[in-house]
């Protein structure tokens, strides 16, 4: 079995995962089958090593759910579990943090919501 990986370029977001504040994230639909060696295919029940921009392992998470979401119908369960980089938790903060990430999407734009639990805050190198 191959190693499952996720990568964040914003260290603040990884710190939120380790602190237990962030237990969800989003990904473009086209990433579901994997993007590269540090963003592998998405699977419910799989444990992922989380890497930072420098490709250093920071923690591990277990994906507990994947949901297809429309931009004009973002569920409360997502924005409550995916705080803004500033730490703000609201629908408005979620939209402001992800609008550029998704390229100013239209209301019918669809993306993936990933829900996860922290399993290891300090993985072995």
Protein backbone atom coordinates (compact mmCIF):
# COMPACT_ATOMS: atom_id res chain seq x y z
CA UNK A 1 0.00 0.00 0.00
CA UNK A 2 1.36 3.42 -0.92
CA UNK A 3 1.69 6.30 1.51
CA UNK A 4 -1.14 8.84 1.50
CA UNK A 5 -0.06 12.49 1.58
CA UNK A 6 -1.49 16.01 1.74
CA UNK A 7 0.46 19.24 1.50
CA UNK A 8 -0.25 22.77 2.70
CA UNK A 9 1.82 25.79 1.73
CA UNK A 10 0.46 27.86 4.63
CA UNK A 11 2.10 26.77 7.88
CA UNK A 12 -0.66 28.53 9.84
CA UNK A 13 -3.20 26.01 8.55
CA UNK A 14 -1.05 23.05 9.62
CA UNK A 15 -0.67 24.65 13.06
CA UNK A 16 -4.49 24.85 13.23
CA UNK A 17 -4.71 21.11 12.50
CA UNK A 18 -2.16 20.28 15.21
CA UNK A 19 -4.01 22.55 17.70
CA UNK A 20 -7.28 20.77 16.89
CA UNK A 21 -9.00 23.87 15.47
CA UNK A 22 -9.00 22.69 11.84
CA UNK A 23 -10.68 19.35 11.10
CA UNK A 24 -11.77 19.98 7.51
CA UNK A 25 -10.37 21.34 4.29
CA UNK A 26 -11.33 21.71 0.65
CA UNK A 27 -9.88 20.47 -2.60
CA UNK A 28 -10.74 21.00 -6.28
CA UNK A 29 -12.67 18.08 -7.80
CA UNK A 30 -9.82 17.30 -10.17
CA UNK A 31 -7.55 16.54 -7.19
CA UNK A 32 -9.69 13.56 -6.11
CA UNK A 33 -7.44 11.14 -8.00
CA UNK A 34 -4.29 12.87 -6.77
CA UNK A 35 -2.30 15.88 -7.90
CA UNK A 36 1.33 14.92 -7.29
CA UNK A 37 3.55 12.94 -4.91
CA UNK A 38 2.54 15.21 -2.00
CA UNK A 39 -1.20 15.34 -2.77
CA UNK A 40 -2.27 11.76 -3.37
CA UNK A 41 -5.71 10.36 -4.20
CA UNK A 42 -8.41 10.96 -1.59
CA UNK A 43 -9.92 8.03 0.31
CA UNK A 44 -12.26 7.93 3.30
CA UNK A 45 -10.67 5.95 6.11
CA UNK A 46 -7.10 6.49 4.91
CA UNK A 47 -4.46 8.14 7.09
CA UNK A 48 -2.49 10.95 5.42
CA UNK A 49 0.85 12.43 6.36
CA UNK A 50 0.54 16.22 6.21
CA UNK A 51 3.53 18.02 4.69
CA UNK A 52 4.41 21.70 4.65
CA UNK A 53 5.72 23.63 1.65
CA UNK A 54 9.28 22.46 2.38
CA UNK A 55 8.02 18.83 2.22
CA UNK A 56 8.58 18.26 5.94
CA UNK A 57 6.07 15.92 7.61
CA UNK A 58 4.18 17.84 10.31
CA UNK A 59 1.32 15.58 11.41
CA UNK A 60 -1.02 12.79 10.35
CA UNK A 61 -4.78 12.90 9.83
CA UNK A 62 -7.41 10.26 9.06
CA UNK A 63 -10.04 11.23 6.50
CA UNK A 64 -13.49 10.54 7.98
CA UNK A 65 -15.62 11.92 5.17
CA UNK A 66 -15.59 13.47 1.72
CA UNK A 67 -18.51 15.56 0.51
CA UNK A 68 -19.35 17.19 -2.81
CA UNK A 69 -20.22 20.85 -2.12
CA UNK A 70 -21.60 23.69 -4.24
CA UNK A 71 -20.19 27.19 -3.74
CA UNK A 72 -23.70 28.59 -3.22
CA UNK A 73 -24.58 25.93 -0.61
CA UNK A 74 -21.57 25.66 1.73
CA UNK A 75 -22.68 23.59 4.74
CA UNK A 76 -22.21 24.88 8.27
CA UNK A 77 -20.43 21.62 9.13
CA UNK A 78 -17.67 22.62 6.70
CA UNK A 79 -17.08 26.28 7.57
CA UNK A 80 -17.20 25.53 11.31
CA UNK A 81 -14.46 22.90 10.93
CA UNK A 82 -12.33 24.82 8.38
CA UNK A 83 -11.44 28.17 9.97
CA UNK A 84 -9.88 30.99 8.00
CA UNK A 85 -6.10 31.37 8.20
CA UNK A 86 -6.80 34.24 10.62
CA UNK A 87 -8.65 31.81 12.89
CA UNK A 88 -12.05 33.37 12.19
CA UNK A 89 -14.92 30.88 12.03
CA UNK A 90 -17.87 32.03 9.93
CA UNK A 91 -19.35 31.47 6.50
CA UNK A 92 -18.10 34.91 5.46
CA UNK A 93 -14.54 34.13 6.62
CA UNK A 94 -14.63 30.78 4.80
CA UNK A 95 -15.76 32.43 1.55
CA UNK A 96 -13.16 35.21 1.85
CA UNK A 97 -10.38 32.64 2.45
CA UNK A 98 -11.36 30.38 -0.44
CA UNK A 99 -12.66 32.77 -3.12
CA UNK A 100 -9.21 33.35 -4.67
CA UNK A 101 -8.18 29.71 -4.08
CA UNK A 102 -11.02 28.60 -6.34
CA UNK A 103 -10.65 31.51 -8.79
CA UNK A 104 -13.76 33.53 -7.84
CA UNK A 105 -16.23 30.71 -8.53
CA UNK A 106 -19.84 30.98 -9.68
CA UNK A 107 -22.61 29.69 -7.44
CA UNK A 108 -22.86 26.33 -9.22
CA UNK A 109 -19.10 25.61 -8.82
CA UNK A 110 -18.51 22.25 -7.11
CA UNK A 111 -15.59 21.24 -4.91
CA UNK A 112 -14.68 18.58 -2.37
CA UNK A 113 -14.93 19.00 1.39
CA UNK A 114 -12.66 16.68 3.37
CA UNK A 115 -13.33 15.98 7.03
CA UNK A 116 -10.57 14.48 9.15
CA UNK A 117 -9.31 13.72 12.64
CA UNK A 118 -5.77 14.37 13.85
CA UNK A 119 -4.08 11.03 14.59
CA UNK A 120 -0.47 12.07 15.22
CA UNK A 121 0.74 15.60 15.99
CA UNK A 122 4.44 14.80 15.63
CA UNK A 123 5.18 12.10 13.03
CA UNK A 124 8.61 10.54 12.76
CA UNK A 125 10.73 12.08 9.98
